[in-house]
Protein backbone atom coordinates (compact mmCIF):
# COMPACT_ATOMS: atom_id res chain seq x y z
CA MET A 1 2.16 15.95 5.10
CA THR A 2 0.01 15.91 8.25
CA PRO A 3 -0.22 12.41 9.78
CA GLU A 4 -3.74 11.04 9.99
CA PRO A 5 -4.96 10.75 13.59
CA ASN A 6 -4.66 7.35 15.26
CA VAL A 7 -6.41 8.08 18.52
CA PRO A 8 -8.57 5.15 19.75
CA LYS A 9 -12.28 5.89 19.80
CA PRO A 10 -15.34 3.91 20.90
CA ALA A 11 -16.51 1.27 18.43
CA GLU A 12 -19.85 2.95 17.94
CA LYS A 13 -20.32 6.40 16.55
CA ALA A 14 -21.43 9.09 18.93
CA GLY A 15 -25.15 8.86 19.61
CA GLU A 16 -25.51 5.55 17.80
CA ALA A 17 -27.11 2.78 19.87
CA PRO A 18 -25.23 -0.53 19.81
CA SER A 19 -27.00 -3.50 18.25
CA LEU A 20 -28.93 -5.66 20.74
CA ASN A 21 -27.36 -9.12 20.49
CA PHE A 22 -28.38 -11.99 22.77
CA ILE A 23 -25.76 -11.09 25.40
CA ARG A 24 -26.97 -7.51 25.59
CA ALA A 25 -30.53 -8.81 25.86
CA ILE A 26 -29.51 -10.91 28.90
CA ILE A 27 -27.75 -7.96 30.50
CA GLU A 28 -30.66 -5.60 29.96
CA GLU A 29 -33.05 -8.12 31.51
CA ASP A 30 -30.69 -8.49 34.48
CA LEU A 31 -30.57 -4.72 34.91
CA LYS A 32 -34.36 -4.49 34.83
CA SER A 33 -34.68 -7.17 37.50
CA GLY A 34 -32.02 -5.59 39.71
CA LYS A 35 -29.79 -8.65 39.55
CA SER A 36 -26.25 -8.05 40.88
CA GLY A 37 -27.37 -4.71 42.25
CA GLY A 38 -27.80 -3.32 38.76
CA GLN A 39 -24.08 -3.61 38.06
CA VAL A 40 -22.28 -4.88 34.96
CA VAL A 41 -18.78 -6.18 35.61
CA THR A 42 -17.05 -8.14 32.84
CA ARG A 43 -13.49 -9.36 32.36
CA PHE A 44 -11.05 -10.27 29.62
CA PRO A 45 -9.01 -13.24 30.93
CA PRO A 46 -6.20 -14.19 28.50
CA GLU A 47 -3.61 -16.85 29.23
CA PRO A 48 -0.17 -15.25 28.71
CA ASN A 49 1.19 -18.09 26.57
CA GLY A 50 1.37 -16.21 23.26
CA TYR A 51 0.41 -13.01 21.48
CA LEU A 52 -3.23 -12.07 21.05
CA HIS A 53 -4.81 -12.53 17.63
CA ILE A 54 -7.80 -11.08 15.79
CA GLY A 55 -10.10 -13.60 17.50
CA HIS A 56 -9.14 -12.17 20.88
CA ALA A 57 -9.95 -8.70 19.54
CA LYS A 58 -13.58 -9.79 19.20
CA SER A 59 -13.63 -10.79 22.88
CA ILE A 60 -11.83 -7.62 23.97
CA CYS A 61 -14.27 -5.39 22.10
CA LEU A 62 -17.20 -7.37 23.47
CA ASN A 63 -16.19 -7.37 27.13
CA PHE A 64 -14.84 -3.83 27.32
CA GLY A 65 -17.63 -2.57 25.07
CA LEU A 66 -20.36 -4.00 27.30
CA ALA A 67 -18.78 -2.46 30.38
CA ARG A 68 -18.51 0.89 28.62
CA ASP A 69 -22.06 0.90 27.28
CA TYR A 70 -23.66 -0.16 30.57
CA LYS A 71 -21.47 2.11 32.68
CA GLY A 72 -19.79 -0.79 34.42
CA ARG A 73 -16.19 -1.92 34.42
CA CYS A 74 -14.10 -4.54 32.69
CA HIS A 75 -11.16 -6.25 34.38
CA LEU A 76 -8.02 -7.44 32.66
CA ARG A 77 -7.09 -10.68 34.40
CA PHE A 78 -4.26 -12.92 33.33
CA ASP A 79 -5.00 -16.63 33.65
CA ASP A 80 -1.40 -17.37 34.63
CA THR A 81 -1.86 -20.92 35.93
CA ASN A 82 0.44 -22.72 33.47
CA PRO A 83 3.98 -21.38 34.05
CA GLU A 84 5.51 -23.85 31.61
CA LYS A 85 4.20 -21.80 28.65
CA GLU A 86 3.84 -18.30 30.11
CA GLU A 87 6.24 -15.38 29.84
CA MET A 88 6.37 -11.74 30.86
CA GLU A 89 6.85 -10.89 27.16
CA TYR A 90 3.34 -12.17 26.50
CA ILE A 91 1.87 -10.29 29.47
CA GLU A 92 3.39 -7.04 28.24
CA SER A 93 2.25 -7.64 24.66
CA ILE A 94 -1.32 -8.33 25.78
CA MET A 95 -1.53 -5.10 27.76
CA ARG A 96 -0.10 -3.23 24.78
CA ASP A 97 -2.69 -4.77 22.45
CA VAL A 98 -5.67 -4.00 24.70
CA ARG A 99 -4.58 -0.38 25.02
CA TRP A 100 -3.97 -0.13 21.26
CA LEU A 101 -7.55 -1.24 20.64
CA GLY A 102 -8.67 1.75 22.69
CA PHE A 103 -9.60 0.15 26.01
CA ASP A 104 -8.28 0.58 29.54
CA TRP A 105 -8.78 -1.51 32.66
CA ASN A 106 -7.71 1.41 34.89
CA GLU A 107 -6.92 0.00 38.35
CA HIS A 108 -8.56 -3.34 37.59
CA LEU A 109 -5.54 -5.39 36.56
CA TYR A 110 -5.50 -8.83 38.14
CA TYR A 111 -3.78 -12.20 37.89
CA ALA A 112 -5.06 -15.65 38.77
CA SER A 113 -1.78 -16.03 40.66
CA ASP A 114 -3.03 -13.27 43.00
CA TYR A 115 -5.52 -15.85 44.28
CA PHE A 116 -3.31 -18.95 44.62
CA GLU A 117 -3.44 -18.89 48.42
CA GLN A 118 -7.22 -18.42 48.50
CA LEU A 119 -7.73 -21.15 45.90
CA PHE A 120 -5.60 -23.53 47.95
CA GLU A 121 -7.69 -22.85 51.05
CA TRP A 122 -10.93 -23.38 49.14
CA ALA A 123 -9.56 -26.67 47.79
CA GLN A 124 -8.88 -27.71 51.37
CA ALA A 125 -12.49 -26.81 52.23
CA LEU A 126 -13.75 -29.14 49.49
CA ILE A 127 -11.51 -31.92 50.80
CA LYS A 128 -12.99 -31.46 54.28
CA LYS A 129 -16.49 -31.76 52.78
CA GLY A 130 -15.51 -35.01 51.09
CA LEU A 131 -15.76 -33.33 47.68
CA ALA A 132 -12.09 -33.58 46.63
CA TYR A 133 -9.35 -36.20 46.93
CA VAL A 134 -5.72 -36.83 46.05
CA ASP A 135 -5.31 -39.36 43.24
CA ASP A 136 -2.08 -41.31 42.63
CA GLN A 137 -3.04 -42.45 39.15
CA THR A 138 -0.96 -41.27 36.21
CA ALA A 139 -2.40 -38.87 33.66
CA GLU A 140 -2.70 -41.77 31.23
CA GLN A 141 -4.63 -43.88 33.73
CA ILE A 142 -6.98 -41.03 34.59
CA SER A 143 -7.68 -40.45 30.91
CA ALA A 144 -8.26 -44.15 30.22
CA ASN A 145 -10.64 -44.47 33.18
CA ARG A 146 -12.62 -41.36 32.33
CA GLY A 147 -15.00 -43.27 30.07
CA THR A 148 -16.65 -42.16 26.85
CA LEU A 149 -19.79 -40.33 25.83
CA THR A 150 -21.65 -43.66 25.94
CA GLU A 151 -19.79 -45.45 28.75
CA PRO A 152 -19.35 -44.27 32.36
CA GLY A 153 -15.94 -43.77 33.85
CA LYS A 154 -14.23 -45.96 36.43
CA GLU A 155 -13.68 -44.73 39.95
CA SER A 156 -10.11 -44.26 41.07
CA PRO A 157 -8.86 -46.77 43.65
CA PHE A 158 -7.80 -43.73 45.69
CA ARG A 159 -11.23 -42.08 45.56
CA ASN A 160 -12.32 -43.06 49.06
CA ARG A 161 -9.35 -41.86 51.04
CA SER A 162 -10.32 -40.10 54.24
CA ALA A 163 -10.54 -36.33 54.37
CA GLN A 164 -7.66 -36.26 56.84
CA GLU A 165 -5.40 -38.32 54.57
CA ASN A 166 -6.28 -36.15 51.59
CA LEU A 167 -5.55 -32.98 53.52
CA GLU A 168 -2.14 -34.30 54.56
CA LEU A 169 -1.27 -35.45 51.05
CA PHE A 170 -2.43 -32.17 49.52
CA GLU A 171 -0.28 -30.20 51.97
CA ARG A 172 2.70 -32.42 51.14
CA MET A 173 2.04 -31.82 47.44
CA ARG A 174 2.33 -28.12 48.11
CA LYS A 175 5.59 -28.60 50.00
CA GLY A 176 7.12 -30.37 47.04
CA GLU A 177 7.48 -33.82 48.60
CA PHE A 178 6.28 -35.67 45.49
CA PRO A 179 7.63 -35.82 41.92
CA ASP A 180 5.92 -34.01 39.08
CA GLY A 181 2.94 -35.93 37.75
CA SER A 182 2.86 -38.41 40.64
CA LYS A 183 -0.31 -37.05 42.21
CA VAL A 184 -3.21 -34.73 41.42
CA LEU A 185 -6.11 -33.29 43.36
CA ARG A 186 -9.49 -34.18 41.84
CA ALA A 187 -13.01 -33.00 42.60
CA LYS A 188 -15.24 -35.86 43.80
CA ILE A 189 -18.43 -35.55 41.77
CA ASP A 190 -19.84 -38.36 39.58
CA MET A 191 -17.85 -40.77 37.41
CA ALA A 192 -21.06 -41.84 35.66
CA SER A 193 -22.24 -38.35 34.76
CA ALA A 194 -23.43 -37.78 31.21
CA ASN A 195 -21.31 -34.63 31.29
CA VAL A 196 -17.75 -35.94 31.19
CA ASN A 197 -16.53 -32.71 32.80
CA PHE A 198 -18.22 -33.92 35.99
CA ARG A 199 -16.23 -37.15 36.10
CA ASP A 200 -13.95 -36.16 38.94
CA PRO A 201 -12.09 -33.35 37.12
CA VAL A 202 -8.50 -32.58 38.06
CA MET A 203 -8.12 -29.42 40.16
CA TYR A 204 -4.35 -29.33 40.83
CA ARG A 205 -1.26 -30.91 39.32
CA ILE A 206 2.36 -30.95 40.47
CA ARG A 207 4.63 -29.00 38.17
CA ARG A 208 8.02 -27.60 39.08
CA GLU A 209 8.23 -24.60 36.79
CA GLU A 210 9.31 -21.08 37.65
CA HIS A 211 6.30 -18.79 37.47
CA PRO A 212 6.71 -15.36 35.79
CA ARG A 213 5.31 -13.64 38.89
CA THR A 214 5.52 -16.02 41.86
CA GLY A 215 8.86 -17.55 40.98
CA ASN A 216 9.38 -20.90 42.72
CA LYS A 217 6.95 -20.30 45.57
CA TRP A 218 4.51 -22.88 44.23
CA CYS A 219 5.04 -26.33 42.74
CA ILE A 220 1.32 -27.11 42.43
CA TYR A 221 -0.83 -25.15 40.02
CA PRO A 222 -4.63 -24.97 39.65
CA ILE A 223 -6.39 -26.19 36.52
CA TYR A 224 -8.28 -23.55 34.51
CA ASP A 225 -11.76 -24.86 35.37
CA TRP A 226 -10.98 -24.59 39.07
CA ALA A 227 -9.20 -21.24 39.01
CA HIS A 228 -11.38 -19.40 36.54
CA GLY A 229 -14.79 -19.42 38.18
CA GLN A 230 -13.39 -18.71 41.63
CA SER A 231 -11.38 -15.79 40.26
CA ASP A 232 -14.57 -14.43 38.69
CA ALA A 233 -16.35 -14.75 42.02
CA ILE A 234 -13.55 -13.05 43.96
CA GLU A 235 -13.67 -10.08 41.58
CA LYS A 236 -17.48 -9.99 41.69
CA ILE A 237 -17.80 -10.43 37.94
CA THR A 238 -21.47 -10.30 36.98
CA HIS A 239 -21.30 -11.67 33.45
CA SER A 240 -18.50 -14.12 32.68
CA ILE A 241 -18.47 -14.18 28.88
CA CYS A 242 -16.52 -16.95 27.17
CA THR A 243 -16.49 -18.93 23.93
CA LEU A 244 -18.71 -21.88 23.07
CA GLU A 245 -16.19 -24.61 23.89
CA PHE A 246 -16.82 -23.80 27.55
CA GLU A 247 -20.57 -24.34 27.34
CA ASN A 248 -20.27 -27.93 28.63
CA HIS A 249 -18.00 -26.64 31.39
CA ARG A 250 -20.63 -24.26 32.74
CA PRO A 251 -22.23 -26.84 35.12
CA LEU A 252 -18.77 -27.44 36.61
CA TYR A 253 -18.19 -23.68 36.85
CA ASP A 254 -21.42 -23.43 38.86
CA TRP A 255 -20.71 -26.57 40.94
CA TYR A 256 -17.38 -25.24 42.19
CA ILE A 257 -18.79 -21.86 43.20
CA GLU A 258 -21.84 -23.38 44.90
CA ASN A 259 -19.89 -26.02 46.84
CA VAL A 260 -17.16 -23.65 47.95
CA GLY A 261 -19.96 -21.43 49.19
CA ILE A 262 -18.87 -18.14 47.66
CA PRO A 263 -21.69 -15.56 48.12
CA HIS A 264 -21.20 -13.96 44.71
CA HIS A 265 -22.10 -16.21 41.77
CA PRO A 266 -21.24 -14.85 38.28
CA GLN A 267 -23.30 -15.87 35.28
CA GLN A 268 -21.35 -17.61 32.53
CA ILE A 269 -22.52 -16.80 28.99
CA GLU A 270 -21.04 -18.41 25.88
CA PHE A 271 -20.72 -17.02 22.37
CA ALA A 272 -19.21 -18.32 19.14
CA ARG A 273 -15.52 -17.62 18.72
CA LEU A 274 -14.17 -15.95 15.59
CA ASN A 275 -13.03 -18.21 12.79
CA LEU A 276 -11.51 -16.46 9.78
CA THR A 277 -10.87 -17.83 6.30
CA TYR A 278 -7.27 -18.30 5.13
CA THR A 279 -6.15 -18.04 8.76
CA VAL A 280 -5.30 -20.22 11.73
CA MET A 281 -6.45 -19.04 15.16
CA SER A 282 -4.68 -21.57 17.34
CA LYS A 283 -1.97 -20.01 19.50
CA ARG A 284 -0.19 -23.36 19.40
CA LYS A 285 -0.06 -23.26 15.60
CA LEU A 286 0.90 -19.58 15.54
CA LEU A 287 3.74 -20.37 17.94
CA GLN A 288 4.85 -23.18 15.66
CA LEU A 289 4.98 -20.77 12.71
CA VAL A 290 7.21 -18.49 14.76
CA GLN A 291 9.46 -21.26 16.08
CA ASP A 292 9.83 -22.89 12.65
CA LYS A 293 10.67 -19.48 11.14
CA ASP A 294 7.85 -19.69 8.60
CA VAL A 295 7.22 -16.08 9.61
CA LYS A 296 9.52 -13.44 11.06
CA GLY A 297 8.12 -13.37 14.58
CA TRP A 298 4.82 -12.75 16.32
CA ASP A 299 4.61 -9.30 14.75
CA ASP A 300 5.14 -10.47 11.18
CA PRO A 301 2.55 -8.47 9.18
CA ARG A 302 1.19 -11.70 7.67
CA MET A 303 0.25 -13.03 11.10
CA PRO A 304 -3.32 -12.62 12.45
CA THR A 305 -1.86 -11.43 15.75
CA LEU A 306 -2.77 -7.93 16.84
CA ALA A 307 0.95 -7.15 16.87
CA GLY A 308 1.21 -8.32 13.27
CA ILE A 309 -1.81 -6.50 11.90
CA ARG A 310 -0.82 -3.38 13.83
CA ARG A 311 2.64 -3.46 12.24
CA ARG A 312 1.08 -4.06 8.85
CA GLY A 313 -0.93 -0.88 9.28
CA PHE A 314 -4.43 -1.79 10.42
CA THR A 315 -6.00 0.82 12.66
CA PRO A 316 -7.77 0.16 15.98
CA GLU A 317 -10.84 1.87 14.54
CA SER A 318 -10.99 -0.69 11.74
CA ILE A 319 -10.68 -3.64 14.14
CA ARG A 320 -13.42 -2.31 16.40
CA ALA A 321 -15.64 -1.71 13.36
CA PHE A 322 -14.94 -5.26 12.18
CA ALA A 323 -15.87 -6.70 15.57
CA GLU A 324 -19.11 -4.71 15.56
CA ARG A 325 -19.88 -5.74 11.99
CA ILE A 326 -19.52 -9.50 12.50
CA GLY A 327 -21.62 -9.37 15.65
CA VAL A 328 -22.10 -11.94 18.40
CA SER A 329 -24.00 -15.20 18.10
CA LYS A 330 -24.28 -18.72 19.53
CA ARG A 331 -23.70 -20.36 16.17
CA GLU A 332 -20.23 -21.42 15.03
CA SER A 333 -19.33 -20.00 11.63
CA THR A 334 -16.37 -18.83 9.62
CA VAL A 335 -16.09 -15.18 8.65
CA ASP A 336 -14.70 -14.31 5.24
CA VAL A 337 -11.40 -12.48 5.60
CA THR A 338 -12.64 -9.93 3.05
CA LEU A 339 -14.84 -8.48 5.81
CA LEU A 340 -11.70 -7.65 7.76
CA GLU A 341 -10.05 -6.24 4.64
CA ASN A 342 -13.12 -4.15 3.88
CA ALA A 343 -13.10 -2.76 7.42
CA ILE A 344 -9.65 -1.23 6.96
CA ARG A 345 -10.53 -0.01 3.47
CA ASP A 346 -13.64 1.70 4.81
CA ASP A 347 -11.64 3.30 7.61
CA LEU A 348 -8.77 4.56 5.45
CA ASN A 349 -10.60 5.53 2.28
CA PRO A 350 -11.93 8.88 3.55
CA LYS A 351 -8.76 9.89 5.41
CA ALA A 352 -5.67 8.34 3.80
CA PRO A 353 -3.66 10.82 1.65
CA ARG A 354 -3.19 9.74 -1.97
CA VAL A 355 0.38 9.67 -3.23
CA MET A 356 2.23 8.15 -6.19
CA CYS A 357 4.67 5.29 -6.08
CA VAL A 358 5.77 3.23 -9.08
CA LEU A 359 6.29 -0.35 -7.95
CA LYS A 360 7.92 -1.74 -11.11
CA PRO A 361 9.43 1.23 -12.94
CA LEU A 362 9.72 1.67 -16.69
CA LYS A 363 11.66 4.76 -17.80
CA VAL A 364 9.93 7.33 -20.03
CA VAL A 365 11.74 10.16 -21.84
CA ILE A 366 9.46 13.05 -22.86
CA GLU A 367 11.27 14.23 -25.96
CA ASN A 368 9.45 17.54 -26.46
CA LEU A 369 10.15 18.63 -22.88
CA PRO A 370 13.51 20.51 -22.82
CA GLU A 371 16.30 19.01 -20.74
CA GLY A 372 16.65 20.68 -17.38
CA GLN A 373 13.11 22.06 -17.42
CA GLU A 374 11.18 21.29 -14.27
CA GLU A 375 7.69 22.14 -13.17
CA LEU A 376 6.16 21.70 -9.73
CA LEU A 377 2.60 20.46 -9.98
CA ASP A 378 0.27 21.27 -7.12
CA CYS A 379 -1.39 17.93 -6.33
CA PRO A 380 -4.10 17.39 -3.69
CA TYR A 381 -3.64 14.60 -1.17
CA HIS A 382 -7.29 13.64 -1.48
CA GLN A 383 -9.61 14.82 -4.22
CA GLU A 384 -12.64 14.73 -1.91
CA LYS A 385 -10.89 16.00 1.23
CA PRO A 386 -9.38 19.42 0.56
CA GLU A 387 -8.60 19.77 4.27
CA LEU A 388 -5.81 17.21 3.83
CA GLY A 389 -3.93 19.80 1.78
CA THR A 390 -1.65 19.49 -1.23
CA ARG A 391 1.97 18.74 -2.05
CA LYS A 392 4.33 19.75 -4.84
CA VAL A 393 5.21 16.97 -7.31
CA PRO A 394 8.08 17.68 -9.75
CA PHE A 395 7.43 17.04 -13.44
CA THR A 396 10.57 16.54 -15.55
CA ARG A 397 11.74 15.25 -18.92
CA GLU A 398 12.41 11.76 -17.54
CA ILE A 399 9.78 9.99 -15.49
CA TYR A 400 8.94 6.47 -14.36
CA VAL A 401 5.65 4.72 -15.05
CA GLU A 402 4.49 1.23 -14.11
CA ARG A 403 5.85 -1.46 -16.39
CA ASP A 404 2.38 -3.05 -16.34
CA ASP A 405 0.93 0.19 -17.72
CA PHE A 406 2.59 -0.44 -21.10
CA MET A 407 1.91 -3.13 -23.69
CA GLU A 408 3.56 -3.24 -27.08
CA ASP A 409 0.61 -5.03 -28.61
CA PRO A 410 -2.29 -4.10 -26.34
CA PRO A 411 -5.72 -5.77 -26.52
CA LYS A 412 -8.80 -3.75 -27.36
CA LYS A 413 -9.76 -2.91 -23.76
CA PHE A 414 -6.28 -1.99 -22.60
CA PHE A 415 -6.56 1.77 -22.04
CA ARG A 416 -3.02 2.49 -20.94
CA LEU A 417 0.20 3.11 -22.85
CA GLY A 418 1.00 1.46 -26.15
CA PRO A 419 2.71 2.56 -29.38
CA GLY A 420 0.84 5.60 -30.67
CA ARG A 421 -1.53 5.62 -27.67
CA GLU A 422 -2.27 8.56 -25.43
CA VAL A 423 -2.95 8.51 -21.68
CA ARG A 424 -3.37 11.05 -18.92
CA LEU A 425 -0.65 11.45 -16.29
CA ARG A 426 -2.24 11.78 -12.88
CA TRP A 427 -2.47 15.51 -12.04
CA GLY A 428 -0.30 16.20 -15.08
CA TYR A 429 -0.56 16.18 -18.87
CA PHE A 430 -1.60 13.97 -21.74
CA LEU A 431 1.28 11.66 -22.70
CA LYS A 432 1.69 9.83 -26.03
CA CYS A 433 4.02 6.93 -26.73
CA GLU A 434 6.08 7.63 -29.88
CA ARG A 435 8.84 5.00 -29.82
CA VAL A 436 9.83 1.87 -27.90
CA ILE A 437 13.49 1.22 -26.93
CA LYS A 438 14.57 -2.39 -26.41
CA ASP A 439 17.77 -4.06 -25.22
CA GLU A 440 19.74 -6.76 -27.03
CA LYS A 441 17.36 -9.40 -25.65
CA GLY A 442 14.34 -7.65 -27.09
CA GLU A 443 13.11 -6.47 -23.68
CA VAL A 444 11.45 -3.06 -23.46
CA VAL A 445 13.73 -0.82 -21.39
CA GLU A 446 12.53 2.69 -22.25
CA LEU A 447 9.70 4.60 -23.89
CA ARG A 448 10.12 7.75 -25.93
CA CYS A 449 7.03 9.92 -25.60
CA SER A 450 5.65 13.39 -26.18
CA TYR A 451 3.37 15.44 -23.99
CA ASP A 452 0.74 18.04 -24.80
CA PRO A 453 1.55 21.20 -22.77
CA THR A 454 -1.98 22.48 -23.29
CA THR A 455 -3.47 19.65 -21.19
CA LYS A 456 -2.17 20.61 -17.77
CA GLY A 457 -4.40 19.17 -15.08
CA GLY A 458 -5.50 16.39 -17.41
CA ASN A 459 -7.97 18.23 -19.64
CA ALA A 460 -7.60 18.96 -23.36
CA PRO A 461 -8.85 22.38 -24.62
CA ASP A 462 -9.80 20.79 -27.94
CA GLY A 463 -12.15 18.42 -26.12
CA ARG A 464 -10.38 15.17 -27.00
CA LYS A 465 -10.70 12.39 -24.45
CA VAL A 466 -8.41 9.66 -23.20
CA LYS A 467 -9.67 6.64 -21.31
CA GLY A 468 -6.63 5.86 -19.20
CA THR A 469 -5.02 7.68 -16.28
CA ILE A 470 -1.70 6.37 -14.93
CA HIS A 471 0.51 7.34 -12.01
CA TRP A 472 4.15 8.32 -12.37
CA VAL A 473 7.14 9.89 -10.62
CA SER A 474 9.97 12.15 -11.78
CA ALA A 475 13.10 10.06 -12.40
CA LYS A 476 15.37 12.84 -11.17
CA HIS A 477 13.51 13.27 -7.87
CA ALA A 478 12.29 9.71 -7.35
CA LEU A 479 12.79 8.23 -3.91
CA PRO A 480 14.01 4.59 -4.01
CA VAL A 481 11.93 2.61 -1.53
CA GLU A 482 11.42 -0.99 -0.49
CA VAL A 483 7.82 -2.12 -0.82
CA ARG A 484 6.49 -5.25 0.83
CA LEU A 485 3.37 -6.70 -0.73
CA TYR A 486 1.58 -8.92 1.77
CA ASP A 487 -1.02 -11.47 0.84
CA ARG A 488 -2.94 -14.14 2.76
CA LEU A 489 -0.73 -16.51 4.70
CA PHE A 490 -2.52 -19.64 3.47
CA ASN A 491 -3.75 -20.80 0.08
CA VAL A 492 -6.89 -22.55 1.35
CA GLU A 493 -9.91 -21.17 3.15
CA ASN A 494 -9.63 -23.50 6.13
CA PRO A 495 -6.00 -24.52 6.74
CA ALA A 496 -6.94 -25.90 10.17
CA SER A 497 -9.47 -28.36 8.72
CA ALA A 498 -9.22 -31.96 9.86
CA LYS A 499 -9.14 -32.92 6.19
CA VAL A 500 -5.79 -31.23 5.80
CA ARG A 501 -3.10 -33.75 6.71
CA ASP A 502 -0.37 -31.17 7.10
CA TRP A 503 -1.82 -27.73 7.76
CA LYS A 504 1.51 -26.05 6.99
CA ALA A 505 1.52 -27.59 3.51
CA ASP A 506 -0.97 -24.90 2.51
CA LEU A 507 1.21 -21.95 3.45
CA ASN A 508 1.12 -19.41 0.64
CA PRO A 509 4.65 -19.13 -0.85
CA LYS A 510 3.64 -15.75 -2.30
CA SER A 511 2.36 -14.29 0.96
CA LEU A 512 5.23 -11.78 0.82
CA GLU A 513 6.72 -10.16 -2.26
CA ILE A 514 9.53 -7.68 -1.64
CA LEU A 515 10.09 -5.01 -4.30
CA GLN A 516 13.52 -3.39 -3.94
CA GLY A 517 13.38 -1.11 -6.99
CA ALA A 518 10.17 0.82 -6.37
CA MET A 519 10.24 4.59 -6.90
CA ALA A 520 8.13 7.00 -4.85
CA GLU A 521 7.43 10.69 -5.04
CA PRO A 522 9.79 12.74 -2.82
CA SER A 523 7.06 13.76 -0.34
CA LEU A 524 7.41 10.27 1.21
CA ALA A 525 11.07 10.62 2.19
CA ASN A 526 10.27 10.98 5.89
CA ALA A 527 6.97 9.14 6.05
CA ASP A 528 5.64 8.83 9.59
CA PRO A 529 4.83 5.18 10.49
CA GLU A 530 1.62 6.42 12.10
CA MET A 531 0.50 7.80 8.75
CA ARG A 532 -1.35 5.57 6.32
CA VAL A 533 -1.32 6.52 2.65
CA GLN A 534 -2.92 5.20 -0.48
CA PHE A 535 -0.58 4.58 -3.38
CA GLU A 536 -2.58 5.59 -6.43
CA ARG A 537 -4.14 2.55 -8.14
CA THR A 538 -2.22 0.10 -5.91
CA GLY A 539 -3.51 -0.03 -2.34
CA SER A 540 -3.09 1.32 1.18
CA PHE A 541 0.38 1.38 2.75
CA ARG A 542 2.24 2.46 5.87
CA ALA A 543 5.92 2.92 6.59
CA ASP A 544 7.16 -0.05 8.58
CA PRO A 545 7.69 1.17 12.16
CA ILE A 546 10.75 -1.06 12.70
CA ASP A 547 12.64 -1.25 9.42
CA SER A 548 12.07 2.25 8.01
CA LYS A 549 14.89 4.75 8.33
CA PRO A 550 14.91 8.55 7.74
CA GLY A 551 15.07 9.09 4.00
CA ALA A 552 14.73 5.35 3.35
CA PRO A 553 11.23 4.22 4.21
CA VAL A 554 10.06 0.63 3.88
CA PHE A 555 6.39 0.41 2.99
CA ASN A 556 4.03 -2.37 4.03
CA ARG A 557 0.95 -2.90 1.95
CA ILE A 558 -1.95 -2.93 4.39
CA VAL A 559 -4.55 -3.98 1.87
CA SER A 560 -5.02 -3.89 -1.87
CA LEU A 561 -7.76 -1.88 -3.50
CA ARG A 562 -11.20 -3.46 -3.85
CA ASP A 563 -11.80 -6.12 -6.49
CA THR A 564 -14.23 -3.73 -8.15
CA TRP A 565 -11.37 -1.25 -8.37
CA ALA A 566 -9.27 -3.83 -10.18
CA LYS A 567 -11.95 -3.94 -12.85
CA MET A 568 -12.09 -0.16 -13.04
CA LYS A 569 -8.43 0.78 -12.89
CA ASP A 570 -8.21 1.17 -16.66
CA ARG A 571 -10.79 3.93 -16.48
CA GLU A 572 -10.22 7.49 -15.38
CA ASP A 573 -9.54 7.72 -11.65
């Protein structure tokens, strides 16, 4: 079987113009006016404190896609200002995920830690201007004195220190002369501002943590609001695109750049982040799932991380199509997870080879087929894609069918096997159930059937019709496989809702069902993990890239078939 290609491609089809969302409208107006010299420079700035999830994929596709479409460039910059939570493992996983999605930063890989020395000097410049000071208050005191949305904050008793004293204290902070948490550097703006972000925000804190890149060189680290805008300005970013929670931070972003006096001033633009039903998007909560062993790591196929959905079998093409489909807006909303599931269905449906695997086998003995007689049926991989080729499927006296495809006392609209009923074997013959064999407990353990040798290919020369087509495998040649059926990780649409007292209480106990006794056709013995296949009437699967072994594949269900298919599966495929 030829593996289906998995080469990353642009999100849009060749020659197809991208949709003009509000961010593109801003950029096109900037290009018309000649702003920023007609350049478009964006960046994707993740904090390396966890694995990226599907929400980050939206931002990646947006930032790299804009740079691609407007012939600019997109930087990958790690916001590595919080060493307590950051690890090289996360840095490496983020780079792997961005590349998997089909994007490349080329030589434009940066780290906020690259700019620590410059940021320190600019902080000193603000101190000299009387626009920053060292505060000895505790974090609790600073928070209590910050005020509320209706009440102004209270000025720190250390707010009016001289510039010289602040410079000396700040230098001593850098040298490690003070305990962690004993002092901070704050911008001196307006404690009565209606925008609470202007109420003397913290710029630096003392924290003795080994940094993944700078080691123990620094014991003071910049706060995100201080480091981010200056890093954008250093890199000459033209459009700094971030999520809506930073909209109220934009005036502070601008204030820092203007008061430091950096010539280049990026434009911050906010868009609504991705919220997905039946999913949590908080890296803190995802980390808790990993640490509490509710899942089997960051790459558990039930996780919304890019590592997880990649292992499950999603393709980069499907994720880019999903990001394009949901679009970009200023309005917070929650996207139905079925849109993501439909994206992978749409991607795989025209290119995934069809094969047969019986998940819950029931043995069938075809009594009018002589023992030892075998026939190789030539079966296409895709009925509508002859270029995918064919494979040989052995047909023998003993076969397996799905246990759910038989009912001893079937209802009127059950068009599969039952006593005296006839069905079509996929790519094979008409099959009729003659007798039912039960064990001592009365459980059905075997069916005795007959087949019509004149119906090869599924058509009867006498014109008789059957309404049901079922899949099957030869018992003699069946390949025992492990099949993992994944479902949504949570039982409720919004597990992160404030109304949910314990968000983990809504974990879906049936999010993973492992089937050890499944039987597959022999063509899957050495399934390539890069190849996605569709198990007839069941869903799309891929061999797990970690747990599969030669001759013993483990299959992950990527996605089930459409709900409409569930209503149609009793009809002829």
